[in-house]
Amino acid sequence: MKFYLIVFICKKNDYLNGIKPQLADITYSWCNGANFAEICKMTDVFEGSIIRCMRRLDEMLKQLVDASKTIGNIVNLLFWIKN
């Protein structure tokens, strides 16, 4: 049991250390209608990294919608379709 706990803590720390919140502001601006040139001026992150981040987010949101359909969670599905 101790081994599993250590592995969980290590993986959790790796996950938390991998989060890059500096892209959250960029994503928020994009969702509020900022164009790509404005977003690029907000950060020193490479343009390709911004695009990759947005594509991964889009794919994750599509998977959430598909998961909601699969499990039959209508409330969650309606939330994702609405927004």
N, C-alpha and C. Protein backbone atom coordinates (compact mmCIF):
# COMPACT_ATOMS: atom_id res chain seq x y z
N MET A 1 0.81 -1.20 0.00
CA MET A 1 0.00 0.00 0.00
C MET A 1 0.85 1.26 0.00
N LYS A 2 1.97 1.23 0.72
CA LYS A 2 2.83 2.40 0.77
C LYS A 2 3.41 2.73 -0.60
N PHE A 3 3.74 1.68 -1.36
CA PHE A 3 4.30 1.88 -2.70
C PHE A 3 3.33 2.64 -3.58
N TYR A 4 2.06 2.25 -3.56
CA TYR A 4 1.06 2.92 -4.38
C TYR A 4 0.88 4.37 -3.97
N LEU A 5 0.93 4.64 -2.68
CA LEU A 5 0.79 6.00 -2.18
C LEU A 5 1.94 6.87 -2.67
N ILE A 6 3.15 6.33 -2.63
CA ILE A 6 4.33 7.08 -3.10
C ILE A 6 4.22 7.35 -4.59
N VAL A 7 3.81 6.36 -5.36
CA VAL A 7 3.66 6.54 -6.81
C VAL A 7 2.61 7.61 -7.08
N PHE A 8 1.50 7.56 -6.36
CA PHE A 8 0.43 8.56 -6.54
C PHE A 8 0.94 9.95 -6.24
N ILE A 9 1.66 10.11 -5.14
CA ILE A 9 2.18 11.43 -4.76
C ILE A 9 3.17 11.92 -5.81
N CYS A 10 4.04 11.04 -6.31
CA CYS A 10 5.01 11.44 -7.33
C CYS A 10 4.31 11.86 -8.61
N LYS A 11 3.32 11.09 -9.04
CA LYS A 11 2.61 11.44 -10.27
C LYS A 11 1.82 12.73 -10.09
N LYS A 12 1.23 12.93 -8.91
CA LYS A 12 0.50 14.15 -8.64
C LYS A 12 1.44 15.35 -8.70
N ASN A 13 2.62 15.23 -8.11
CA ASN A 13 3.58 16.33 -8.14
C ASN A 13 4.06 16.60 -9.56
N ASP A 14 4.29 15.55 -10.35
CA ASP A 14 4.68 15.75 -11.75
C ASP A 14 3.58 16.48 -12.50
N TYR A 15 2.34 16.09 -12.25
CA TYR A 15 1.21 16.73 -12.92
C TYR A 15 1.12 18.20 -12.53
N LEU A 16 1.19 18.48 -11.23
CA LEU A 16 1.06 19.86 -10.77
C LEU A 16 2.22 20.72 -11.25
N ASN A 17 3.41 20.15 -11.32
CA ASN A 17 4.56 20.91 -11.82
C ASN A 17 4.48 21.16 -13.32
N GLY A 18 3.69 20.35 -14.03
CA GLY A 18 3.55 20.50 -15.47
C GLY A 18 2.52 21.54 -15.89
N ILE A 19 1.72 22.01 -14.95
CA ILE A 19 0.70 23.02 -15.27
C ILE A 19 1.37 24.35 -15.51
N LYS A 20 1.01 24.98 -16.61
CA LYS A 20 1.59 26.27 -16.97
C LYS A 20 0.46 27.31 -17.03
N PRO A 21 0.20 27.98 -15.92
CA PRO A 21 -0.94 28.90 -15.88
C PRO A 21 -0.76 30.16 -16.72
N GLN A 22 0.43 30.41 -17.24
CA GLN A 22 0.63 31.61 -18.04
C GLN A 22 -0.18 31.58 -19.33
N LEU A 23 -0.61 30.40 -19.76
CA LEU A 23 -1.43 30.31 -20.96
C LEU A 23 -2.91 30.51 -20.66
N ALA A 24 -3.29 30.57 -19.40
CA ALA A 24 -4.70 30.76 -19.04
C ALA A 24 -5.19 32.14 -19.47
N ASP A 25 -4.38 33.17 -19.25
CA ASP A 25 -4.77 34.53 -19.66
C ASP A 25 -4.91 34.64 -21.17
N ILE A 26 -4.01 33.98 -21.87
CA ILE A 26 -4.06 33.99 -23.33
C ILE A 26 -5.34 33.31 -23.81
N THR A 27 -5.65 32.17 -23.22
CA THR A 27 -6.86 31.44 -23.59
C THR A 27 -8.10 32.26 -23.29
N TYR A 28 -8.13 32.89 -22.15
CA TYR A 28 -9.27 33.74 -21.77
C TYR A 28 -9.44 34.89 -22.76
N SER A 29 -8.35 35.52 -23.14
CA SER A 29 -8.42 36.62 -24.12
C SER A 29 -8.93 36.13 -25.47
N TRP A 30 -8.46 34.96 -25.90
CA TRP A 30 -8.91 34.38 -27.16
C TRP A 30 -10.42 34.14 -27.12
N CYS A 31 -10.89 33.59 -26.01
CA CYS A 31 -12.33 33.32 -25.87
C CYS A 31 -13.16 34.59 -25.84
N ASN A 32 -12.56 35.69 -25.43
CA ASN A 32 -13.27 36.96 -25.40
C ASN A 32 -13.10 37.78 -26.68
N GLY A 33 -12.54 37.16 -27.72
CA GLY A 33 -12.52 37.80 -29.03
C GLY A 33 -11.23 38.47 -29.44
N ALA A 34 -10.16 38.33 -28.65
CA ALA A 34 -8.88 38.93 -29.06
C ALA A 34 -8.36 38.20 -30.30
N ASN A 35 -7.73 38.96 -31.20
CA ASN A 35 -7.18 38.30 -32.38
C ASN A 35 -5.79 37.74 -32.07
N PHE A 36 -5.27 36.95 -32.97
CA PHE A 36 -4.03 36.22 -32.71
C PHE A 36 -2.85 37.17 -32.52
N ALA A 37 -2.81 38.26 -33.24
CA ALA A 37 -1.71 39.22 -33.10
C ALA A 37 -1.71 39.83 -31.70
N GLU A 38 -2.88 40.14 -31.17
CA GLU A 38 -2.97 40.69 -29.82
C GLU A 38 -2.49 39.68 -28.79
N ILE A 39 -2.87 38.43 -28.99
CA ILE A 39 -2.48 37.38 -28.05
C ILE A 39 -0.97 37.19 -28.07
N CYS A 40 -0.38 37.22 -29.26
CA CYS A 40 1.07 37.02 -29.37
C CYS A 40 1.84 38.14 -28.67
N LYS A 41 1.27 39.33 -28.64
CA LYS A 41 1.92 40.46 -27.96
C LYS A 41 1.84 40.34 -26.44
N MET A 42 0.91 39.52 -25.95
CA MET A 42 0.72 39.38 -24.50
C MET A 42 1.76 38.49 -23.84
N THR A 43 2.49 37.71 -24.62
CA THR A 43 3.38 36.71 -24.04
C THR A 43 4.62 36.51 -24.89
N ASP A 44 5.60 35.85 -24.31
CA ASP A 44 6.80 35.50 -25.08
C ASP A 44 6.80 34.02 -25.48
N VAL A 45 5.64 33.36 -25.29
CA VAL A 45 5.48 31.97 -25.70
C VAL A 45 5.44 31.90 -27.22
N PHE A 46 6.08 30.90 -27.80
CA PHE A 46 6.09 30.76 -29.25
C PHE A 46 4.68 30.59 -29.80
N GLU A 47 4.45 31.10 -31.00
CA GLU A 47 3.14 31.03 -31.63
C GLU A 47 2.66 29.59 -31.77
N GLY A 48 3.56 28.70 -32.14
CA GLY A 48 3.20 27.29 -32.30
C GLY A 48 2.73 26.67 -31.00
N SER A 49 3.33 27.08 -29.90
CA SER A 49 2.91 26.56 -28.60
C SER A 49 1.51 27.06 -28.24
N ILE A 50 1.21 28.28 -28.60
CA ILE A 50 -0.14 28.82 -28.35
C ILE A 50 -1.17 28.04 -29.15
N ILE A 51 -0.87 27.81 -30.41
CA ILE A 51 -1.80 27.07 -31.27
C ILE A 51 -1.98 25.65 -30.75
N ARG A 52 -0.88 25.00 -30.36
CA ARG A 52 -0.97 23.64 -29.83
C ARG A 52 -1.82 23.61 -28.56
N CYS A 53 -1.66 24.60 -27.70
CA CYS A 53 -2.45 24.69 -26.47
C CYS A 53 -3.93 24.81 -26.80
N MET A 54 -4.28 25.67 -27.75
CA MET A 54 -5.68 25.86 -28.12
C MET A 54 -6.27 24.60 -28.74
N ARG A 55 -5.49 23.92 -29.57
CA ARG A 55 -5.99 22.68 -30.18
C ARG A 55 -6.20 21.58 -29.15
N ARG A 56 -5.29 21.48 -28.19
CA ARG A 56 -5.45 20.47 -27.13
C ARG A 56 -6.67 20.78 -26.28
N LEU A 57 -6.90 22.06 -26.00
CA LEU A 57 -8.08 22.45 -25.23
C LEU A 57 -9.35 22.12 -26.00
N ASP A 58 -9.36 22.41 -27.29
CA ASP A 58 -10.52 22.10 -28.13
C ASP A 58 -10.80 20.59 -28.13
N GLU A 59 -9.75 19.79 -28.26
CA GLU A 59 -9.91 18.34 -28.27
C GLU A 59 -10.44 17.84 -26.93
N MET A 60 -9.93 18.41 -25.84
CA MET A 60 -10.40 17.99 -24.52
C MET A 60 -11.88 18.32 -24.32
N LEU A 61 -12.30 19.50 -24.77
CA LEU A 61 -13.70 19.88 -24.65
C LEU A 61 -14.60 18.97 -25.48
N LYS A 62 -14.14 18.59 -26.66
CA LYS A 62 -14.91 17.65 -27.49
C LYS A 62 -15.03 16.30 -26.79
N GLN A 63 -13.96 15.86 -26.14
CA GLN A 63 -14.01 14.59 -25.42
C GLN A 63 -14.95 14.66 -24.22
N LEU A 64 -15.02 15.82 -23.57
CA LEU A 64 -15.96 15.98 -22.46
C LEU A 64 -17.40 15.87 -22.95
N VAL A 65 -17.68 16.46 -24.09
CA VAL A 65 -19.03 16.36 -24.66
C VAL A 65 -19.34 14.91 -25.00
N ASP A 66 -18.39 14.22 -25.64
CA ASP A 66 -18.60 12.81 -25.99
C ASP A 66 -18.79 11.95 -24.74
N ALA A 67 -18.02 12.22 -23.70
CA ALA A 67 -18.16 11.46 -22.45
C ALA A 67 -19.53 11.70 -21.83
N SER A 68 -20.01 12.93 -21.89
CA SER A 68 -21.34 13.24 -21.34
C SER A 68 -22.42 12.49 -22.11
N LYS A 69 -22.27 12.42 -23.41
CA LYS A 69 -23.24 11.67 -24.22
C LYS A 69 -23.20 10.19 -23.87
N THR A 70 -22.00 9.67 -23.68
CA THR A 70 -21.84 8.25 -23.41
C THR A 70 -22.45 7.84 -22.08
N ILE A 71 -22.23 8.64 -21.04
CA ILE A 71 -22.75 8.28 -19.73
C ILE A 71 -24.18 8.75 -19.52
N GLY A 72 -24.68 9.54 -20.46
CA GLY A 72 -26.07 9.98 -20.38
C GLY A 72 -26.31 11.11 -19.41
N ASN A 73 -25.31 11.90 -19.15
CA ASN A 73 -25.45 13.01 -18.23
C ASN A 73 -25.99 14.21 -19.00
N ILE A 74 -27.28 14.36 -19.05
CA ILE A 74 -27.94 15.38 -19.86
C ILE A 74 -27.60 16.78 -19.36
N VAL A 75 -27.58 17.00 -18.05
CA VAL A 75 -27.30 18.33 -17.52
C VAL A 75 -25.91 18.79 -17.94
N ASN A 76 -24.92 17.91 -17.79
CA ASN A 76 -23.56 18.23 -18.18
C ASN A 76 -23.46 18.45 -19.69
N LEU A 77 -24.13 17.63 -20.45
CA LEU A 77 -24.12 17.75 -21.91
C LEU A 77 -24.71 19.09 -22.34
N LEU A 78 -25.82 19.47 -21.77
CA LEU A 78 -26.44 20.74 -22.13
C LEU A 78 -25.54 21.92 -21.77
N PHE A 79 -24.83 21.82 -20.65
CA PHE A 79 -23.91 22.88 -20.28
C PHE A 79 -22.82 23.05 -21.33
N TRP A 80 -22.22 21.95 -21.78
CA TRP A 80 -21.13 22.04 -22.73
C TRP A 80 -21.61 22.49 -24.11
N ILE A 81 -22.79 22.08 -24.50
CA ILE A 81 -23.32 22.49 -25.80
C ILE A 81 -23.68 23.99 -25.77
N LYS A 82 -24.26 24.41 -24.65
CA LYS A 82 -24.67 25.82 -24.51
C LYS A 82 -23.46 26.75 -24.55
N ASN A 83 -22.39 26.35 -23.89
CA ASN A 83 -21.22 27.21 -23.79
C ASN A 83 -20.26 26.85 -24.88
